[in-house]
């Protein structure tokens, strides 16, 4: 997650929003079970640079 976003939210005392953002960007959350891992198809311990959102590849991670 971009540091300026975290710092801005922290300055506004928005801890819940920081956690929600982290939870969204955390790659582990894209592969919590076998079906999700088969869809995501990239390493669940690194962030994908992009995730497809249309067509047959929806949910699949791009390059890491």
C-alpha atoms as a PDB file:
ATOM      1  CA  UNK A   1       0.000   0.000   0.000  1.00  0.00           C
ATOM      2  CA  UNK A   2       1.396   3.423  -0.865  1.00  0.00           C
ATOM      3  CA  UNK A   3       3.006   5.020   2.162  1.00  0.00           C
ATOM      4  CA  UNK A   4       1.341   8.460   1.642  1.00  0.00           C
ATOM      5  CA  UNK A   5      -2.082   6.823   1.889  1.00  0.00           C
ATOM      6  CA  UNK A   6      -1.194   5.106   5.159  1.00  0.00           C
ATOM      7  CA  UNK A   7       0.354   8.246   6.593  1.00  0.00           C
ATOM      8  CA  UNK A   8      -2.647  10.362   5.610  1.00  0.00           C
ATOM      9  CA  UNK A   9      -5.098   7.938   7.154  1.00  0.00           C
ATOM     10  CA  UNK A  10      -2.947   7.687  10.290  1.00  0.00           C
ATOM     11  CA  UNK A  11      -2.865  11.464  10.648  1.00  0.00           C
ATOM     12  CA  UNK A  12      -6.656  11.440  10.555  1.00  0.00           C
ATOM     13  CA  UNK A  13      -6.786   8.640  13.172  1.00  0.00           C
ATOM     14  CA  UNK A  14      -8.536   6.317  10.695  1.00  0.00           C
ATOM     15  CA  UNK A  15      -7.079   3.020  11.877  1.00  0.00           C
ATOM     16  CA  UNK A  16     -10.028   0.985  10.627  1.00  0.00           C
ATOM     17  CA  UNK A  17      -9.511   2.369   7.119  1.00  0.00           C
ATOM     18  CA  UNK A  18      -5.786   1.579   7.269  1.00  0.00           C
ATOM     19  CA  UNK A  19      -6.614  -1.998   8.195  1.00  0.00           C
ATOM     20  CA  UNK A  20      -9.250  -2.246   5.425  1.00  0.00           C
ATOM     21  CA  UNK A  21      -6.732  -1.003   2.841  1.00  0.00           C
ATOM     22  CA  UNK A  22      -4.072  -3.410   4.066  1.00  0.00           C
ATOM     23  CA  UNK A  23      -6.566  -6.260   3.990  1.00  0.00           C
ATOM     24  CA  UNK A  24      -7.450  -5.394   0.381  1.00  0.00           C
ATOM     25  CA  UNK A  25      -3.832  -5.244  -0.802  1.00  0.00           C
ATOM     26  CA  UNK A  26      -2.522  -8.212   1.218  1.00  0.00           C
ATOM     27  CA  UNK A  27      -1.827 -10.918  -1.390  1.00  0.00           C
ATOM     28  CA  UNK A  28      -2.597 -13.693   1.093  1.00  0.00           C
ATOM     29  CA  UNK A  29      -6.246 -12.646   1.007  1.00  0.00           C
ATOM     30  CA  UNK A  30      -6.448 -13.557  -2.688  1.00  0.00           C
ATOM     31  CA  UNK A  31      -5.504 -17.198  -2.050  1.00  0.00           C
ATOM     32  CA  UNK A  32      -7.047 -18.258   1.263  1.00  0.00           C
ATOM     33  CA  UNK A  33      -8.265 -21.606  -0.060  1.00  0.00           C
ATOM     34  CA  UNK A  34      -7.525 -23.931  -2.986  1.00  0.00           C
ATOM     35  CA  UNK A  35     -10.197 -22.454  -5.292  1.00  0.00           C
ATOM     36  CA  UNK A  36      -8.974 -18.885  -4.710  1.00  0.00           C
ATOM     37  CA  UNK A  37      -5.354 -19.951  -5.193  1.00  0.00           C
ATOM     38  CA  UNK A  38      -6.251 -21.694  -8.460  1.00  0.00           C
ATOM     39  CA  UNK A  39      -7.913 -18.481  -9.649  1.00  0.00           C
ATOM     40  CA  UNK A  40      -5.200 -16.048  -8.452  1.00  0.00           C
ATOM     41  CA  UNK A  41      -2.411 -18.274  -9.876  1.00  0.00           C
ATOM     42  CA  UNK A  42       0.531 -16.191  -8.687  1.00  0.00           C
ATOM     43  CA  UNK A  43       2.576 -16.395  -5.520  1.00  0.00           C
ATOM     44  CA  UNK A  44       0.312 -15.591  -2.546  1.00  0.00           C
ATOM     45  CA  UNK A  45       3.244 -14.073  -0.639  1.00  0.00           C
ATOM     46  CA  UNK A  46       3.944 -11.219  -3.076  1.00  0.00           C
ATOM     47  CA  UNK A  47       1.657  -8.502  -4.405  1.00  0.00           C
ATOM     48  CA  UNK A  48       0.596  -8.804  -8.014  1.00  0.00           C
ATOM     49  CA  UNK A  49       1.066  -5.647 -10.048  1.00  0.00           C
ATOM     50  CA  UNK A  50      -2.374  -6.147 -11.528  1.00  0.00           C
ATOM     51  CA  UNK A  51      -5.383  -8.434 -11.145  1.00  0.00           C
ATOM     52  CA  UNK A  52      -7.672  -9.126 -14.070  1.00  0.00           C
ATOM     53  CA  UNK A  53     -11.265  -8.015 -13.582  1.00  0.00           C
ATOM     54  CA  UNK A  54     -12.969  -9.093 -16.807  1.00  0.00           C
ATOM     55  CA  UNK A  55     -13.421 -12.191 -18.912  1.00  0.00           C
ATOM     56  CA  UNK A  56     -12.070 -15.673 -18.280  1.00  0.00           C
ATOM     57  CA  UNK A  57      -9.105 -14.365 -16.283  1.00  0.00           C
ATOM     58  CA  UNK A  58     -11.153 -12.472 -13.666  1.00  0.00           C
ATOM     59  CA  UNK A  59      -9.370 -12.688 -10.322  1.00  0.00           C
ATOM     60  CA  UNK A  60      -6.075 -13.907 -11.775  1.00  0.00           C
ATOM     61  CA  UNK A  61      -2.957 -12.048 -10.756  1.00  0.00           C
ATOM     62  CA  UNK A  62      -0.791 -10.500 -13.427  1.00  0.00           C
ATOM     63  CA  UNK A  63       2.946 -10.067 -13.171  1.00  0.00           C
ATOM     64  CA  UNK A  64       4.497 -10.059  -9.710  1.00  0.00           C
END
